Protein backbone atom coordinates (compact mmCIF):
# COMPACT_ATOMS: atom_id res chain seq x y z
CA MET A 1 -57.17 3.82 39.26
CA SER A 2 -59.25 3.07 36.16
CA SER A 3 -62.46 3.70 38.13
CA ILE A 4 -61.15 7.11 39.24
CA ILE A 5 -60.39 8.04 35.63
CA LEU A 6 -63.91 6.98 34.67
CA TYR A 7 -65.41 9.17 37.41
CA VAL A 8 -63.37 12.14 36.18
CA LEU A 9 -64.52 11.62 32.59
CA ILE A 10 -68.14 11.36 33.72
CA PHE A 11 -67.80 14.54 35.77
CA VAL A 12 -66.37 16.40 32.76
CA LEU A 13 -69.18 15.11 30.52
CA VAL A 14 -71.88 16.20 32.98
CA ALA A 15 -70.23 19.60 33.50
CA LEU A 16 -70.01 20.30 29.76
CA ILE A 17 -73.60 19.29 29.03
CA THR A 18 -75.28 21.08 31.97
CA SER A 19 -73.20 24.26 31.57
CA ASP A 20 -74.02 24.42 27.86
CA ALA A 21 -77.70 23.89 28.68
CA GLY A 22 -77.63 26.76 31.20
CA ILE A 23 -75.65 29.23 29.11
CA LYS A 24 -77.57 28.68 25.87
CA PRO A 25 -81.22 28.12 26.77
CA SER A 26 -82.96 26.22 24.00
CA MET A 27 -86.06 24.19 24.79
CA PHE A 28 -85.65 21.61 22.09
CA LYS A 29 -81.88 21.02 21.96
CA TYR A 30 -81.52 18.82 25.03
CA PHE A 31 -85.17 17.83 25.23
CA ASN A 32 -84.86 16.35 21.74
CA MET A 33 -81.58 14.70 22.66
CA LEU A 34 -83.17 13.18 25.78
CA ILE A 35 -86.02 11.66 23.76
CA CYS A 36 -83.61 10.46 21.08
CA SER A 37 -81.34 8.91 23.72
CA MET A 38 -84.22 6.85 25.10
CA PHE A 39 -84.98 5.49 21.63
CA ALA A 40 -81.25 4.81 21.16
CA VAL A 41 -81.20 2.84 24.43
CA ALA A 42 -84.09 0.71 23.17
CA LEU A 43 -82.30 0.05 19.88
CA ALA A 44 -79.06 -0.82 21.65
CA PHE A 45 -80.70 -3.33 23.99
CA ASN A 46 -82.76 -4.79 21.15
CA PHE A 47 -79.96 -5.44 18.70
CA TYR A 48 -76.60 -5.58 20.46
CA GLU A 49 -76.73 -9.36 20.96
CA THR A 50 -77.67 -10.03 17.33
CA ALA A 51 -74.90 -7.77 16.03
CA ALA A 52 -72.37 -9.19 18.49
CA ASN A 53 -73.17 -12.79 17.52
CA ILE A 54 -72.29 -11.91 13.92
CA LEU A 55 -68.89 -10.61 15.03
CA ILE A 56 -68.36 -13.67 17.24
CA SER A 57 -69.14 -16.02 14.35
CA LYS A 58 -66.41 -14.27 12.33
CA GLY A 59 -63.94 -14.33 15.21
CA ILE A 60 -63.80 -10.52 15.50
CA LEU A 61 -62.97 -9.48 19.09
CA PRO A 62 -65.32 -12.19 20.41
CA GLN A 63 -65.15 -11.43 24.15
CA PHE A 64 -65.52 -7.67 23.52
CA ALA A 65 -68.27 -8.03 20.92
CA TYR A 66 -71.22 -7.42 23.27
CA SER A 67 -69.68 -4.31 24.79
CA LEU A 68 -68.60 -2.80 21.48
CA CYS A 69 -71.92 -3.49 19.75
CA PHE A 70 -74.00 -2.10 22.62
CA LEU A 71 -72.07 1.18 22.78
CA SER A 72 -71.76 1.49 18.99
CA ILE A 73 -75.45 0.95 18.31
CA PHE A 74 -76.36 3.49 20.99
CA VAL A 75 -73.98 6.18 19.69
CA ILE A 76 -74.87 5.69 16.03
CA SER A 77 -78.60 5.63 16.76
CA LEU A 78 -78.40 8.74 18.93
CA VAL A 79 -76.48 10.71 16.27
CA ILE A 80 -78.87 9.73 13.49
CA LEU A 81 -82.05 10.32 15.51
CA TRP A 82 -80.88 13.66 16.88
CA SER A 83 -79.80 14.83 13.41
CA ILE A 84 -83.29 14.04 12.09
CA ALA A 85 -84.91 15.82 15.04
CA GLN A 86 -82.74 18.91 14.53
CA PHE A 87 -83.65 18.97 10.85
CA ILE A 88 -87.40 18.74 11.56
CA ILE A 89 -87.49 21.19 14.47
CA LYS A 90 -85.32 24.15 13.55
CA GLU A 91 -86.72 26.92 15.76
CA ASP A 92 -87.75 27.27 19.39
CA LEU A 93 -91.24 28.28 20.34
CA PRO A 94 -91.54 31.85 21.77
CA PHE A 95 -91.40 30.94 25.48
CA PRO A 96 -89.87 33.19 28.14
CA THR A 97 -86.14 32.68 28.69
CA VAL A 98 -86.67 31.36 32.22
CA VAL A 99 -88.97 28.62 30.89
CA LEU A 100 -86.49 27.69 28.19
CA ARG A 101 -83.70 27.55 30.75
CA ILE A 102 -85.67 25.33 33.17
CA VAL A 103 -86.70 22.86 30.46
CA ASN A 104 -83.23 22.81 28.95
CA ILE A 105 -81.35 22.26 32.20
CA SER A 106 -83.75 19.61 33.49
CA SER A 107 -83.58 17.78 30.16
CA SER A 108 -79.78 17.93 30.19
CA VAL A 109 -79.64 16.47 33.70
CA LEU A 110 -81.89 13.55 32.70
CA LEU A 111 -79.82 13.10 29.55
CA CYS A 112 -76.67 12.84 31.66
CA LEU A 113 -78.28 10.10 33.78
CA VAL A 114 -79.12 8.12 30.63
CA LEU A 115 -75.62 8.59 29.16
CA ILE A 116 -73.92 7.54 32.41
CA GLY A 117 -76.16 4.48 32.64
CA VAL A 118 -75.31 3.48 29.07
CA ILE A 119 -71.59 3.89 29.76
CA TYR A 120 -71.82 1.66 32.82
CA VAL A 121 -73.79 -1.04 30.99
CA GLY A 122 -71.44 -0.94 28.00
CA LEU A 123 -68.32 -1.23 30.15
CA GLY A 124 -70.00 -3.87 32.31
CA LEU A 125 -70.41 -6.07 29.24
CA ALA A 126 -66.66 -5.96 28.59
CA PRO A 127 -64.33 -8.73 29.86
CA SER A 128 -62.67 -6.45 32.41
CA SER A 129 -62.15 -7.29 36.06
CA ALA A 130 -65.17 -7.61 38.35
CA SER A 131 -64.29 -4.23 39.93
CA PHE A 132 -64.57 -2.24 36.69
CA PRO A 133 -66.42 -0.05 35.97
CA TYR A 134 -67.35 -0.60 39.62
CA ALA A 135 -67.39 -3.45 42.14
CA HIS A 136 -70.98 -4.68 41.95
CA PHE A 137 -70.26 -7.41 44.50
CA GLN A 138 -68.15 -7.18 47.62
CA LYS A 139 -64.66 -8.49 46.92
CA ASP A 140 -63.69 -11.95 48.20
CA ALA A 141 -67.15 -12.50 49.72
CA LYS A 142 -68.47 -16.07 49.69
CA ILE A 143 -71.90 -15.12 48.41
CA SER A 144 -74.85 -17.51 48.53
CA PRO A 145 -77.89 -16.92 46.30
CA GLN A 146 -79.91 -15.87 49.36
CA ASP A 147 -77.35 -13.18 50.29
CA MET A 148 -76.91 -11.49 46.91
CA ASP A 149 -78.75 -8.31 47.88
CA GLN A 150 -76.63 -8.00 51.02
CA TYR A 151 -73.35 -7.98 49.06
CA SER A 152 -74.40 -6.17 45.86
CA LYS A 153 -73.63 -2.50 45.28
CA SER A 154 -74.84 0.12 42.82
CA SER A 155 -73.15 2.32 40.26
CA LEU A 156 -73.04 6.10 40.46
CA LEU A 157 -76.66 7.17 41.15
CA SER A 158 -77.73 3.62 40.12
CA THR A 159 -77.85 4.85 36.54
CA ASP A 160 -77.19 1.44 34.95
CA LYS A 161 -80.05 -0.05 36.96
CA ILE A 162 -82.35 2.79 35.86
CA VAL A 163 -81.48 2.31 32.18
CA SER A 164 -81.79 -1.49 32.16
CA SER A 165 -84.95 -1.49 34.29
CA LEU A 166 -86.57 1.13 32.08
CA PHE A 167 -85.99 -0.94 28.99
CA SER A 168 -87.11 -4.15 30.71
CA ALA A 169 -90.36 -2.47 31.69
CA PHE A 170 -91.51 -1.64 28.15
CA SER A 171 -89.64 -4.14 26.00
CA SER A 172 -91.41 -6.96 24.22
CA GLY A 173 -90.12 -9.49 21.71
CA SER A 174 -86.72 -7.83 21.95
CA LEU A 175 -84.39 -10.79 21.89
CA SER A 176 -85.97 -14.08 20.94
CA GLY A 177 -89.37 -14.70 19.36
CA ASN A 178 -92.14 -13.97 21.83
CA LYS A 179 -89.68 -13.82 24.74
CA ASN A 180 -89.03 -10.30 25.93
CA PHE A 181 -85.85 -8.91 27.43
CA LYS A 182 -86.98 -9.36 31.03
CA ASP A 183 -87.87 -13.02 30.42
CA LEU A 184 -84.39 -13.83 29.12
CA HIS A 185 -82.43 -11.49 31.37
CA PRO A 186 -83.97 -11.22 34.83
CA ASN A 187 -81.56 -9.67 37.34
CA TYR A 188 -79.65 -8.26 34.37
CA LEU A 189 -76.93 -6.39 36.29
CA ASP A 190 -76.33 -9.18 38.81
CA THR A 191 -75.78 -11.76 36.09
CA MET A 192 -73.57 -9.34 34.12
CA TYR A 193 -71.15 -8.94 37.01
CA LEU A 194 -71.32 -12.58 38.06
CA ASN A 195 -70.10 -13.43 34.56
CA LYS A 196 -67.10 -11.15 35.16
CA ALA A 197 -66.36 -12.38 38.70
CA SER A 198 -63.62 -14.84 37.68
CA VAL A 199 -62.05 -12.96 34.78
CA LYS A 200 -58.70 -12.63 36.58
CA GLN A 201 -58.59 -16.40 37.02
CA GLY A 202 -59.00 -16.91 33.27
CA SER A 203 -62.77 -17.31 33.02
CA LEU A 204 -64.38 -16.16 29.78
CA ILE A 205 -67.59 -14.11 29.93
CA LEU A 206 -69.11 -15.62 26.77
CA ALA A 207 -69.50 -19.23 25.62
CA GLY A 208 -70.10 -21.08 22.38
CA ASP A 209 -73.23 -23.06 21.56
CA LYS A 210 -71.31 -26.36 21.95
CA SER A 211 -70.29 -25.59 25.54
CA ILE A 212 -73.14 -27.43 27.21
CA SER A 213 -75.29 -30.39 26.27
CA LEU A 214 -78.43 -31.64 28.00
CA SER A 215 -80.29 -34.91 27.97
CA SER A 216 -83.21 -35.05 25.55
CA ASN A 217 -85.52 -36.03 28.43
CA LEU A 218 -86.43 -33.37 30.98
CA ASN A 219 -86.75 -36.00 33.70
CA ASP A 220 -83.01 -36.68 33.34
CA VAL A 221 -82.15 -32.96 33.49
CA ILE A 222 -84.39 -31.64 36.29
CA LYS A 223 -85.07 -33.75 39.37
CA LYS A 224 -86.44 -33.20 42.83
CA ALA A 225 -83.58 -33.04 45.33
CA SER A 226 -83.21 -35.84 47.86
CA ILE A 227 -84.68 -35.11 51.29
CA SER A 228 -81.56 -36.76 52.74
CA LEU A 229 -79.28 -34.19 51.11
CA LYS A 230 -76.51 -32.77 53.34
CA ASP A 231 -73.69 -30.31 52.69
CA GLN A 232 -69.98 -31.07 53.03
CA ASP A 233 -70.13 -30.22 56.73
CA GLY A 234 -72.93 -32.70 57.40
CA ASN A 235 -75.66 -30.07 57.76
CA PRO A 236 -79.09 -30.91 56.29
CA VAL A 237 -79.92 -28.95 53.14
CA LYS A 238 -83.50 -27.73 53.45
CA PRO A 239 -85.27 -25.18 51.21
CA SER A 240 -86.44 -21.86 52.61
CA ALA A 241 -90.11 -21.17 53.23
CA GLY A 242 -92.07 -21.09 49.97
CA GLN A 243 -89.15 -22.67 48.07
CA LYS A 244 -88.25 -26.12 46.79
CA ASN A 245 -84.94 -27.79 46.02
CA ILE A 246 -84.25 -29.22 42.58
CA THR A 247 -81.15 -30.56 40.85
CA MET A 248 -80.09 -29.83 37.30
CA SER A 249 -77.66 -32.08 35.40
CA LEU A 250 -75.59 -30.90 32.45
CA THR A 251 -72.51 -31.90 30.51
CA PHE A 252 -69.68 -29.58 29.47
CA SER A 253 -68.11 -30.39 26.13
CA LYS A 254 -64.39 -30.31 25.40
CA HIS A 255 -64.30 -27.48 22.87
CA ASN A 256 -62.32 -24.23 22.79
CA PHE A 257 -64.27 -21.00 22.53
CA GLU A 258 -63.11 -20.55 18.93
CA ASP A 259 -64.73 -23.90 18.12
CA GLY A 260 -68.00 -23.03 19.82
CA GLY A 261 -67.05 -24.20 23.31
CA ALA A 262 -66.21 -22.68 26.67
CA LEU A 263 -62.53 -23.55 27.13
CA GLY A 264 -59.92 -20.81 27.11
CA GLU A 265 -56.82 -20.56 24.94
CA GLU A 266 -54.71 -22.47 27.48
CA GLY A 267 -57.20 -25.33 27.44
CA GLY A 268 -58.21 -24.75 31.03
CA PHE A 269 -61.76 -24.21 32.12
CA THR A 270 -62.59 -21.70 34.86
CA LEU A 271 -66.10 -20.77 35.92
CA ASN A 272 -68.12 -19.75 38.95
CA MET A 273 -71.55 -20.81 40.16
CA GLY A 274 -73.01 -17.43 39.23
CA GLN A 275 -72.38 -18.20 35.56
CA ILE A 276 -74.72 -21.22 35.55
CA ARG A 277 -78.29 -20.10 36.25
CA ILE A 278 -81.74 -21.38 35.42
CA LEU A 279 -84.74 -19.35 34.32
CA CYS A 280 -88.08 -20.18 35.90
CA LYS A 281 -91.64 -19.27 34.98
CA LYS A 282 -94.07 -18.64 37.83
CA GLU A 283 -97.79 -19.40 37.78
CA ASP A 284 -98.58 -15.68 37.42
CA GLY A 285 -96.52 -15.56 34.21
CA SER A 286 -93.55 -13.68 35.68
CA THR A 287 -89.98 -14.89 35.27
CA CYS A 288 -87.32 -15.35 37.93
CA VAL A 289 -83.71 -16.52 37.93
CA ALA A 290 -82.13 -19.07 40.28
CA TYR A 291 -78.44 -19.53 41.05
CA PRO A 292 -76.74 -22.75 42.25
CA GLN A 293 -76.24 -23.48 45.91
CA GLY A 294 -73.32 -25.68 44.85
CA SER A 295 -72.58 -28.95 43.06
CA LEU A 296 -73.35 -32.52 44.13
CA SER A 297 -70.35 -34.76 44.78
CA SER A 298 -72.81 -37.65 45.34
CA PRO A 299 -76.62 -37.93 45.21
CA ILE A 300 -76.84 -36.89 48.88
CA VAL A 301 -73.77 -34.65 49.41
CA LEU A 302 -73.72 -30.98 48.38
CA GLN A 303 -70.45 -29.10 47.98
CA ARG A 304 -71.46 -25.51 48.69
CA LYS A 305 -69.76 -22.84 46.60
CA GLY A 306 -70.00 -19.06 46.66
CA LEU A 307 -71.43 -17.49 43.50
CA THR A 308 -68.23 -15.58 42.73
CA GLU A 309 -65.83 -18.35 43.79
CA ALA A 310 -63.62 -19.50 40.91
CA ILE A 311 -63.69 -23.22 40.03
CA THR A 312 -60.99 -24.47 37.67
CA TYR A 313 -60.96 -27.69 35.63
CA GLN A 314 -58.15 -29.11 33.53
CA LEU A 315 -58.38 -31.08 30.30
CA SER A 316 -57.63 -34.20 32.33
CA ASP A 317 -60.95 -33.74 34.14
CA PHE A 318 -62.84 -34.57 30.94
CA ASP A 319 -63.57 -38.20 30.14
CA SER A 320 -62.46 -40.11 27.03
CA LYS A 321 -65.49 -38.78 25.14
CA GLY A 322 -64.57 -35.18 25.92
CA SER A 323 -67.37 -34.70 28.44
CA LEU A 324 -67.49 -33.30 31.96
CA GLY A 325 -70.71 -33.96 33.85
CA MET A 326 -72.02 -31.78 36.64
CA THR A 327 -75.13 -31.78 38.83
CA LEU A 328 -76.11 -28.56 40.59
CA LEU A 329 -78.62 -27.78 43.34
CA TYR A 330 -81.06 -24.88 42.97
CA GLU A 331 -83.68 -23.41 45.27
CA ILE A 332 -86.67 -22.11 43.32
CA PRO A 333 -90.18 -20.87 44.25
CA LYS A 334 -92.75 -23.64 44.76
CA ASP A 335 -95.10 -22.02 42.23
CA SER A 336 -92.48 -21.97 39.45
CA GLN A 337 -91.12 -24.35 36.82
CA PRO A 338 -87.64 -24.12 35.25
CA TYR A 339 -87.73 -23.66 31.49
CA ALA A 340 -84.19 -22.75 30.40
CA LEU A 341 -80.53 -22.86 31.34
CA ALA A 342 -78.45 -19.67 30.96
CA PHE A 343 -74.65 -19.91 30.89
CA ARG A 344 -72.30 -16.97 31.01
CA GLY A 345 -73.40 -13.86 29.14
CA ASN A 346 -74.88 -15.29 25.99
CA LEU A 347 -75.80 -18.98 25.99
CA ILE A 348 -79.43 -19.91 26.67
CA LYS A 349 -80.67 -23.49 26.26
CA VAL A 350 -84.36 -24.27 26.62
CA PHE A 351 -84.97 -27.43 28.62
CA PRO A 352 -86.36 -30.43 26.70
CA LYS A 353 -89.89 -31.63 27.21
CA ALA A 354 -90.63 -34.44 29.62
CA ALA A 355 -91.00 -37.83 27.98
CA LYS A 356 -94.61 -38.95 27.75
CA LYS A 357 -95.46 -42.12 29.63
CA LYS A 358 -96.98 -44.87 27.51
CA THR A 359 -100.38 -46.01 28.75
CA PRO A 360 -101.99 -49.30 27.69
CA LYS A 361 -105.00 -49.06 25.42
CA ALA A 362 -108.38 -49.53 27.03
CA GLY A 363 -109.55 -53.14 27.00
CA SER A 364 -106.16 -54.58 26.17
CA GLU A 365 -104.80 -57.44 28.23
CA PRO A 366 -101.12 -57.87 29.00
CA THR A 367 -99.67 -60.90 27.27
CA THR A 368 -97.73 -63.52 29.19
CA LYS A 369 -95.62 -66.37 28.00
CA SER A 370 -96.62 -69.82 29.19
């Protein structure tokens, strides 16, 4: 029902904008708004996480912070930029009416696509059900990382994909130091909706910085998977062509979200495999994202889980130190190296460096006791 209401509102918005553009031909009205909207999109993607983290630190609508900040920054930026443009350019150039009408209508149509895309991204960042604003993944499907494209769907005219892909293409240094948006958020829409997949079961879409801890030695975090690995049905687990299997070990900490953790208000802990992904850097410099095939119940037994399948833990599952260990299996390209862990919609932890092996000095002799 909510999706139908959204479609109606979008239809009304498009009808109002395009009809106004056709009735009152003005070359610069909607052309200026189109250009301003693209700059507003860039500002929204650049700063929504920073602004949202400030709200989260103050406990202000924490799970809604990303959605509210993204939409607010876009709207405020668009109003300010368009007001400045209207003040600078007050008159149309003396073009024939038919030219003005063509430019105005075409600009208004493109503007509508941008606005619809922004609406979908903004609502997608909210902690609503996985089917709102639309069902990005097929409901109740046991999705493996290799089958994501088969089960994923698009929004109306794929507008959210257009908007996010456009920004990813020209962004640089947008979120963290010299890391651009595409480096930190590959497969942006997929990860957004995977974070929402278990909302009905009580899963949060954001996490605190104390949610996960990693060993200080990379060799304890990332390991080559055993060649004897089998799944719960006894089938050998082999990587696809051009891929390799690795395991990643992490520890969840017993903290509520308000205290910087990942636990909900009831103290339970619900997640899905799609919320725990690793970022990899390929030899050509490009970035890719990998999702878990499942978790290891022993060094040689894999418990396969679908990416959207809810997994619930209780407080009793944590040990006396308040820790819950987990080892996950990932399939990544052979020419890539994992460099960071991404959890839910906001937490990114860069993997530690591998410990350097001590080598004996040249000419030194090992000492032995007699």
